[in-house]
Every structure is written in C-alpha cells, then in structure tokens.
C-alpha cells in the first residue's frame, strides 16, 4: 500500500514538476511571474481533449496539439501582455498585474466555452493496461508519463546547455543589455522561451487531464499555487530544483491524503515551505544573490 501511494505520488509530482519547469524558466530568463501560466495549462488540456473528441486523433497527436496550443497562447501573452511593458522599462510588478488580467480573460473565455462543465477524455483515449510487479500495480499510463517527463527534462537541459539557441537564452537571462552588445536580439529569444514554457504547461495539462480524467476551466489555478511552492522550495530558476520539489510535493500530498486527511495535505506542503525558507531562503538548489552574500559577509 505504501509503495503504491509513493508510485502515485511520483506520477503526479512529475507532472507538477513539468508544469513548474515552464514557470521557473520564464522567471529565470525574463524575471517574470506569469500568473496566467495556469490558464495556459488549462487551455492546453482543452486543446488535447478537443483533438481527441472532435478530431478523433490518437492521444499522442493530441498531446502535441496541447503543447502547440500552450506554446502559441504563451507567445500571445508575451506579445500583448509583457513585451509592451519591457519596452517601456516597467517594473516587474506591472508584469504581474498584466498577467493577472490576461489570466482572468483566458478563464472567462474557457468558462463561457465549456459552460462550466467538467469534461472527460473518452474511456478508450489511452489503453488501460496494468502490470503487477511484486504486488505493485503499475499502469501503462503512469510509465508513459514518467518517461515523457524525464525525456522533456533531459531535452530541455540539452537545449539550454548544448545548443547555440540555449547559449542565447542563457545570455539574455544574464543580461539583456549585455546580450545586445554580443549581437543577440532578445525579442526572438524571449518569444522562444515563452513558447517552450507554454508547451511544457500544455503537455502537463493533457497529462493531468488523463490522470484524473477531468478537464475544466479552473483546473490550472490550484496548480499555479503549487508551482509557486515548487519553485521556492527548489530554488528560483533551478531546473533540477523544480523537478525534485515537484516530485516531493506530489509524494507528500498523496501520502497525506491516503494516511491522514485530504484537508491537511496543503497545510503540510506549506509547512514544509515555511521550514525550508527559514533554514535556506534561496531554496534547496538556489544560489545566493550578490546582496545576500554581502549581508552574510
């Protein structure tokens, strides 16, 4: 029973980590807290569901459509909500307010289109195959989700640290002004980062929709709150930290629901957040800023 719950927690936590990866990537490169990231996640799930039910495409194609929808919506957010503020040198708080407005618009559109109904994937959208290993029931869907998340994480790390495009992204993340002096145009780089972030959220939306077989207009808001906890626990801008913290939160929530109560699962997560912040303000894998190093000195 314990190992079964840990497995369930790993599956859910890996999707949490995938969602948080896009969130922390945006913050690490553009220094933006995109409060509409949950709506991008939700619209990706909507696109994947529509592809399966209306277009009748295989779930693999639906997953790609969900990623594409999430990426395009995220790029649209950059064009209309963030880029005008960057050009005017607006403070980061303005970007947060702008993203909240965009989030409300996306939520209202989804609520109107879905008529607030909870929609579900067809029963045969993904084959129900169960393996029994040492008494542990492992679904094929769980194995596919874990494999996809691992593949996306390694792909993202390779892209950021082993390609010329990734070098440009890291240069812009360090300093837009310096990157301009090096001949890098930050505009296309920012658009690229927003697309990757949205694609990760779109994939997470389709996967969560499959895991819980539930897609609705408000499904992204609770996950956005968990993403805040994940990136703070893991360390702002840390890719390994986002994944490990996501796995930890998924396991803790699953175990607390199974053995204690669903009502206290969120309290346990935020208690862990409080302890980590007190002990290590930069998170588990975060690096101290220059200001912190001066204060400690």
Protein backbone atom coordinates (compact mmCIF):
# COMPACT_ATOMS: atom_id res chain seq x y z
CA UNK A 1 0.00 0.00 0.00
CA UNK A 2 2.79 2.42 0.89
CA UNK A 3 4.77 1.73 -2.26
CA UNK A 4 1.63 2.07 -4.35
CA UNK A 5 0.94 5.52 -2.90
CA UNK A 6 4.57 6.56 -3.44
CA UNK A 7 4.30 5.50 -7.09
CA UNK A 8 1.09 7.53 -7.47
CA UNK A 9 2.84 10.48 -5.86
CA UNK A 10 5.80 10.19 -8.24
CA UNK A 11 3.48 10.25 -11.24
CA UNK A 12 1.51 13.28 -10.05
CA UNK A 13 4.64 15.01 -8.77
CA UNK A 14 6.44 14.57 -12.09
CA UNK A 15 3.61 16.41 -13.84
CA UNK A 16 3.76 19.11 -11.16
CA UNK A 17 7.46 19.42 -11.85
CA UNK A 18 6.86 19.63 -15.60
CA UNK A 19 4.37 22.45 -15.07
CA UNK A 20 6.73 24.26 -12.71
CA UNK A 21 9.63 23.91 -15.16
CA UNK A 22 7.96 26.30 -17.60
CA UNK A 23 7.11 28.65 -14.76
CA UNK A 24 10.66 28.75 -13.41
CA UNK A 25 12.13 29.02 -16.93
CA UNK A 26 10.19 32.22 -17.51
CA UNK A 27 11.26 33.61 -14.18
CA UNK A 28 14.89 32.63 -14.69
CA UNK A 29 15.16 34.19 -18.16
CA UNK A 30 12.63 37.03 -18.22
CA UNK A 31 12.28 37.62 -14.45
CA UNK A 32 8.51 37.39 -14.89
CA UNK A 33 5.97 35.76 -12.58
CA UNK A 34 3.44 34.72 -15.22
CA UNK A 35 0.18 34.48 -13.29
CA UNK A 36 -1.57 33.28 -16.46
CA UNK A 37 0.56 30.12 -16.58
CA UNK A 38 -2.27 28.12 -15.00
CA UNK A 39 -4.64 29.22 -17.77
CA UNK A 40 -2.08 28.20 -20.40
CA UNK A 41 -2.02 24.78 -18.72
CA UNK A 42 -5.82 24.64 -18.79
CA UNK A 43 -6.09 25.66 -22.46
CA UNK A 44 -3.51 23.01 -23.37
CA UNK A 45 -5.73 20.40 -21.70
CA UNK A 46 -8.76 21.80 -23.56
CA UNK A 47 -6.91 21.58 -26.89
CA UNK A 48 -5.84 17.98 -26.22
CA UNK A 49 -9.38 16.99 -25.22
CA UNK A 50 -10.86 18.66 -28.29
CA UNK A 51 -8.34 16.90 -30.53
CA UNK A 52 -9.39 13.51 -29.12
CA UNK A 53 -13.16 14.04 -29.01
CA UNK A 54 -13.78 16.22 -32.08
CA UNK A 55 -10.87 15.48 -34.40
CA UNK A 56 -10.61 11.85 -33.22
CA UNK A 57 -6.82 11.82 -33.36
CA UNK A 58 -4.62 9.45 -31.32
CA UNK A 59 -3.62 10.61 -27.86
CA UNK A 60 -0.01 11.11 -28.98
CA UNK A 61 -1.14 13.62 -31.61
CA UNK A 62 -3.48 15.23 -29.07
CA UNK A 63 -0.53 15.67 -26.74
CA UNK A 64 1.40 17.51 -29.46
CA UNK A 65 -1.66 19.67 -30.20
CA UNK A 66 -1.93 20.53 -26.50
CA UNK A 67 1.75 21.51 -26.45
CA UNK A 68 1.35 23.62 -29.59
CA UNK A 69 -1.74 25.36 -28.20
CA UNK A 70 0.01 26.09 -24.90
CA UNK A 71 3.08 27.42 -26.69
CA UNK A 72 1.10 29.70 -29.01
CA UNK A 73 -1.06 31.08 -26.18
CA UNK A 74 2.07 31.76 -24.15
CA UNK A 75 3.68 33.60 -27.10
CA UNK A 76 0.47 35.66 -27.47
CA UNK A 77 0.76 36.58 -23.79
CA UNK A 78 4.31 37.75 -24.40
CA UNK A 79 3.27 39.88 -27.38
CA UNK A 80 0.26 41.55 -25.77
CA UNK A 81 0.88 41.45 -22.02
CA UNK A 82 4.64 41.51 -21.42
CA UNK A 83 6.55 42.89 -24.40
CA UNK A 84 4.97 46.40 -24.26
CA UNK A 85 5.96 46.60 -20.60
CA UNK A 86 9.54 45.50 -21.31
CA UNK A 87 9.88 48.17 -24.00
CA UNK A 88 8.79 50.84 -21.52
CA UNK A 89 11.07 49.55 -18.78
CA UNK A 90 8.09 48.92 -16.49
CA UNK A 91 8.74 47.37 -13.05
CA UNK A 92 8.20 43.64 -12.53
CA UNK A 93 5.05 44.30 -10.51
CA UNK A 94 3.41 45.74 -13.64
CA UNK A 95 4.05 42.45 -15.44
CA UNK A 96 2.39 40.55 -12.60
CA UNK A 97 -0.70 42.77 -12.78
CA UNK A 98 -0.80 42.43 -16.58
CA UNK A 99 -0.58 38.64 -16.36
CA UNK A 100 -3.39 38.55 -13.79
CA UNK A 101 -5.60 40.46 -16.24
CA UNK A 102 -4.67 38.06 -19.04
CA UNK A 103 -5.40 35.11 -16.74
CA UNK A 104 -8.89 36.44 -15.98
CA UNK A 105 -9.60 36.85 -19.71
CA UNK A 106 -8.47 33.30 -20.50
CA UNK A 107 -10.50 31.93 -17.59
CA UNK A 108 -13.63 33.80 -18.66
CA UNK A 109 -13.31 32.55 -22.24
CA UNK A 110 -12.87 28.95 -21.09
CA UNK A 111 -15.78 29.24 -18.67
CA UNK A 112 -18.02 30.55 -21.46
CA UNK A 113 -16.96 27.91 -23.98
CA UNK A 114 -17.23 24.97 -21.56
CA UNK A 115 -20.34 26.30 -19.79
CA UNK A 116 -18.51 25.49 -16.50
CA UNK A 117 -18.90 21.77 -17.22
CA UNK A 118 -16.35 19.16 -16.20
CA UNK A 119 -15.30 17.35 -19.38
CA UNK A 120 -13.62 13.97 -19.63
CA UNK A 121 -11.48 12.06 -22.08
CA UNK A 122 -13.16 9.05 -23.73
CA UNK A 123 -12.58 5.79 -21.89
CA UNK A 124 -10.56 4.39 -24.78
CA UNK A 125 -8.42 7.53 -25.25
CA UNK A 126 -5.50 5.68 -23.65
CA UNK A 127 -5.31 1.88 -23.36
CA UNK A 128 -5.92 0.63 -19.83
CA UNK A 129 -3.04 -1.79 -19.30
CA UNK A 130 -1.91 -2.73 -15.80
CA UNK A 131 1.30 -4.55 -14.86
CA UNK A 132 1.73 -6.26 -11.50
CA UNK A 133 5.30 -6.24 -10.19
CA UNK A 134 5.88 -7.62 -6.65
CA UNK A 135 2.29 -6.81 -5.79
CA UNK A 136 2.62 -3.24 -7.12
CA UNK A 137 0.02 -2.25 -9.72
CA UNK A 138 1.65 -0.11 -12.39
CA UNK A 139 -0.45 1.36 -15.17
CA UNK A 140 0.95 1.87 -18.65
CA UNK A 141 -0.20 5.50 -18.44
CA UNK A 142 1.96 6.01 -15.35
CA UNK A 143 5.03 4.61 -17.09
CA UNK A 144 4.42 6.78 -20.16
CA UNK A 145 4.00 9.92 -18.04
CA UNK A 146 7.24 9.33 -16.13
CA UNK A 147 9.11 8.58 -19.37
CA UNK A 148 7.74 11.71 -21.06
CA UNK A 149 8.68 13.95 -18.14
CA UNK A 150 12.21 12.51 -17.98
CA UNK A 151 12.55 12.96 -21.75
CA UNK A 152 11.35 16.57 -21.62
CA UNK A 153 13.67 17.45 -18.73
CA UNK A 154 16.76 15.99 -20.41
CA UNK A 155 15.71 17.58 -23.71
CA UNK A 156 15.36 20.98 -22.05
CA UNK A 157 18.73 20.70 -20.30
CA UNK A 158 20.40 19.65 -23.55
CA UNK A 159 18.74 22.51 -25.42
CA UNK A 160 19.81 25.10 -22.86
CA UNK A 161 23.40 23.93 -22.34
CA UNK A 162 24.42 22.17 -25.57
CA UNK A 163 22.97 24.28 -28.39
CA UNK A 164 23.61 27.78 -29.72
CA UNK A 165 19.97 28.67 -29.09
CA UNK A 166 20.41 27.71 -25.45
CA UNK A 167 23.52 29.87 -25.20
CA UNK A 168 21.50 32.84 -26.42
CA UNK A 169 18.79 32.13 -23.86
CA UNK A 170 21.34 32.00 -21.05
CA UNK A 171 22.96 35.20 -22.29
CA UNK A 172 19.62 37.05 -22.25
CA UNK A 173 18.86 35.60 -18.81
CA UNK A 174 22.16 37.02 -17.53
CA UNK A 175 21.61 40.50 -19.02
CA UNK A 176 19.58 41.77 -21.95
CA UNK A 177 21.88 44.77 -22.39
CA UNK A 178 24.98 42.60 -22.47
CA UNK A 179 23.34 40.20 -24.92
CA UNK A 180 22.61 43.10 -27.28
CA UNK A 181 26.30 44.06 -27.20
CA UNK A 182 27.08 40.47 -28.20
CA UNK A 183 24.79 40.78 -31.22
CA UNK A 184 21.86 38.82 -29.74
CA UNK A 185 18.34 40.13 -30.34
CA UNK A 186 16.42 39.48 -27.09
CA UNK A 187 13.00 39.67 -28.82
CA UNK A 188 13.10 36.30 -30.62
CA UNK A 189 14.83 34.73 -27.61
CA UNK A 190 12.06 35.86 -25.26
CA UNK A 191 9.44 34.56 -27.69
CA UNK A 192 11.25 31.23 -27.80
CA UNK A 193 11.30 30.99 -24.02
CA UNK A 194 7.59 31.80 -23.78
CA UNK A 195 6.81 29.11 -26.36
CA UNK A 196 8.84 26.45 -24.52
CA UNK A 197 7.23 27.44 -21.22
CA UNK A 198 3.73 27.25 -22.71
CA UNK A 199 4.44 23.94 -24.45
CA UNK A 200 5.53 22.39 -21.15
CA UNK A 201 2.37 23.69 -19.49
CA UNK A 202 0.23 22.39 -22.35
CA UNK A 203 1.76 18.92 -22.06
CA UNK A 204 1.22 18.94 -18.30
CA UNK A 205 -2.42 19.93 -18.85
CA UNK A 206 -3.12 16.99 -21.14
CA UNK A 207 -1.31 14.57 -18.81
CA UNK A 208 -3.18 15.77 -15.72
CA UNK A 209 -6.43 15.56 -17.67
CA UNK A 210 -5.63 11.91 -18.46
CA UNK A 211 -4.52 11.04 -14.92
CA UNK A 212 -7.65 12.41 -13.24
CA UNK A 213 -9.88 12.20 -16.34
CA UNK A 214 -11.15 15.69 -15.59
CA UNK A 215 -10.80 18.87 -17.63
CA UNK A 216 -12.47 22.11 -16.53
CA UNK A 217 -11.89 25.84 -16.77
CA UNK A 218 -10.48 26.26 -13.23
CA UNK A 219 -8.11 23.28 -13.24
CA UNK A 220 -4.98 25.42 -13.59
CA UNK A 221 -5.46 27.71 -10.59
CA UNK A 222 -4.64 25.21 -7.80
CA UNK A 223 -1.64 24.02 -9.80
CA UNK A 224 -0.34 27.58 -10.13
CA UNK A 225 -0.28 27.86 -6.34
CA UNK A 226 1.64 24.60 -6.11
CA UNK A 227 4.05 25.87 -8.77
CA UNK A 228 4.88 28.83 -6.51
CA UNK A 229 5.70 26.43 -3.70
CA UNK A 230 7.74 24.21 -6.03
CA UNK A 231 9.97 26.94 -7.46
CA UNK A 232 10.56 28.44 -4.00
CA UNK A 233 11.39 25.06 -2.48
CA UNK A 234 13.59 24.06 -5.41
CA UNK A 235 15.20 27.46 -5.82
CA UNK A 236 14.24 30.26 -8.17
CA UNK A 237 15.42 29.49 -11.69
CA UNK A 238 16.69 25.99 -10.83
CA UNK A 239 15.57 23.27 -13.27
CA UNK A 240 16.67 20.30 -11.09
CA UNK A 241 15.15 22.03 -8.08
CA UNK A 242 11.76 22.42 -9.79
CA UNK A 243 11.66 18.74 -10.74
CA UNK A 244 12.79 17.40 -7.36
CA UNK A 245 10.48 19.73 -5.42
CA UNK A 246 7.59 18.76 -7.69
CA UNK A 247 8.21 15.07 -7.02
CA UNK A 248 8.47 15.70 -3.28
CA UNK A 249 5.20 17.64 -3.16
CA UNK A 250 3.41 15.00 -5.22
CA UNK A 251 4.56 12.23 -2.86
CA UNK A 252 3.77 14.22 0.29
CA UNK A 253 0.29 15.10 -0.92
CA UNK A 254 -0.51 11.54 -1.98
CA UNK A 255 0.68 10.06 1.31
CA UNK A 256 -1.10 12.68 3.41
CA UNK A 257 -4.38 12.10 1.56
CA UNK A 258 -4.05 8.31 1.93
CA UNK A 259 -2.95 8.15 5.56
CA UNK A 260 -4.03 11.39 7.24
CA UNK A 261 -6.66 13.56 5.55
CA UNK A 262 -7.12 15.40 2.29
CA UNK A 263 -7.87 18.54 4.28
CA UNK A 264 -4.38 18.76 5.77
CA UNK A 265 -2.34 17.90 2.66
CA UNK A 266 -2.00 21.55 1.62
CA UNK A 267 -1.13 22.54 5.20
CA UNK A 268 1.72 20.02 5.26
CA UNK A 269 3.08 21.34 1.97
CA UNK A 270 3.07 24.95 3.16
CA UNK A 271 4.58 23.95 6.50
CA UNK A 272 7.45 22.37 4.57
CA UNK A 273 7.76 25.58 2.55
CA UNK A 274 7.95 27.63 5.74
CA UNK A 275 10.67 25.40 7.21
CA UNK A 276 12.78 25.48 4.04
CA UNK A 277 12.51 29.27 3.73
CA UNK A 278 13.61 29.72 7.35
CA UNK A 279 16.54 27.31 7.03
CA UNK A 280 17.55 28.12 3.44
CA UNK A 281 15.91 31.27 1.99
CA UNK A 282 17.22 30.60 -1.53
CA UNK A 283 15.56 27.18 -1.69
CA UNK A 284 17.14 23.75 -1.86
CA UNK A 285 19.08 24.36 -5.08
CA UNK A 286 19.01 28.15 -5.34
CA UNK A 287 22.15 30.28 -5.34
CA UNK A 288 22.53 33.30 -3.04
CA UNK A 289 22.32 36.66 -4.76
CA UNK A 290 25.06 39.24 -4.53
CA UNK A 291 23.06 41.19 -1.95
CA UNK A 292 22.68 38.08 0.24
CA UNK A 293 26.40 37.34 0.05
CA UNK A 294 27.23 40.91 1.11
CA UNK A 295 24.83 40.71 4.07
CA UNK A 296 26.28 37.39 5.21
CA UNK A 297 29.78 38.79 4.90
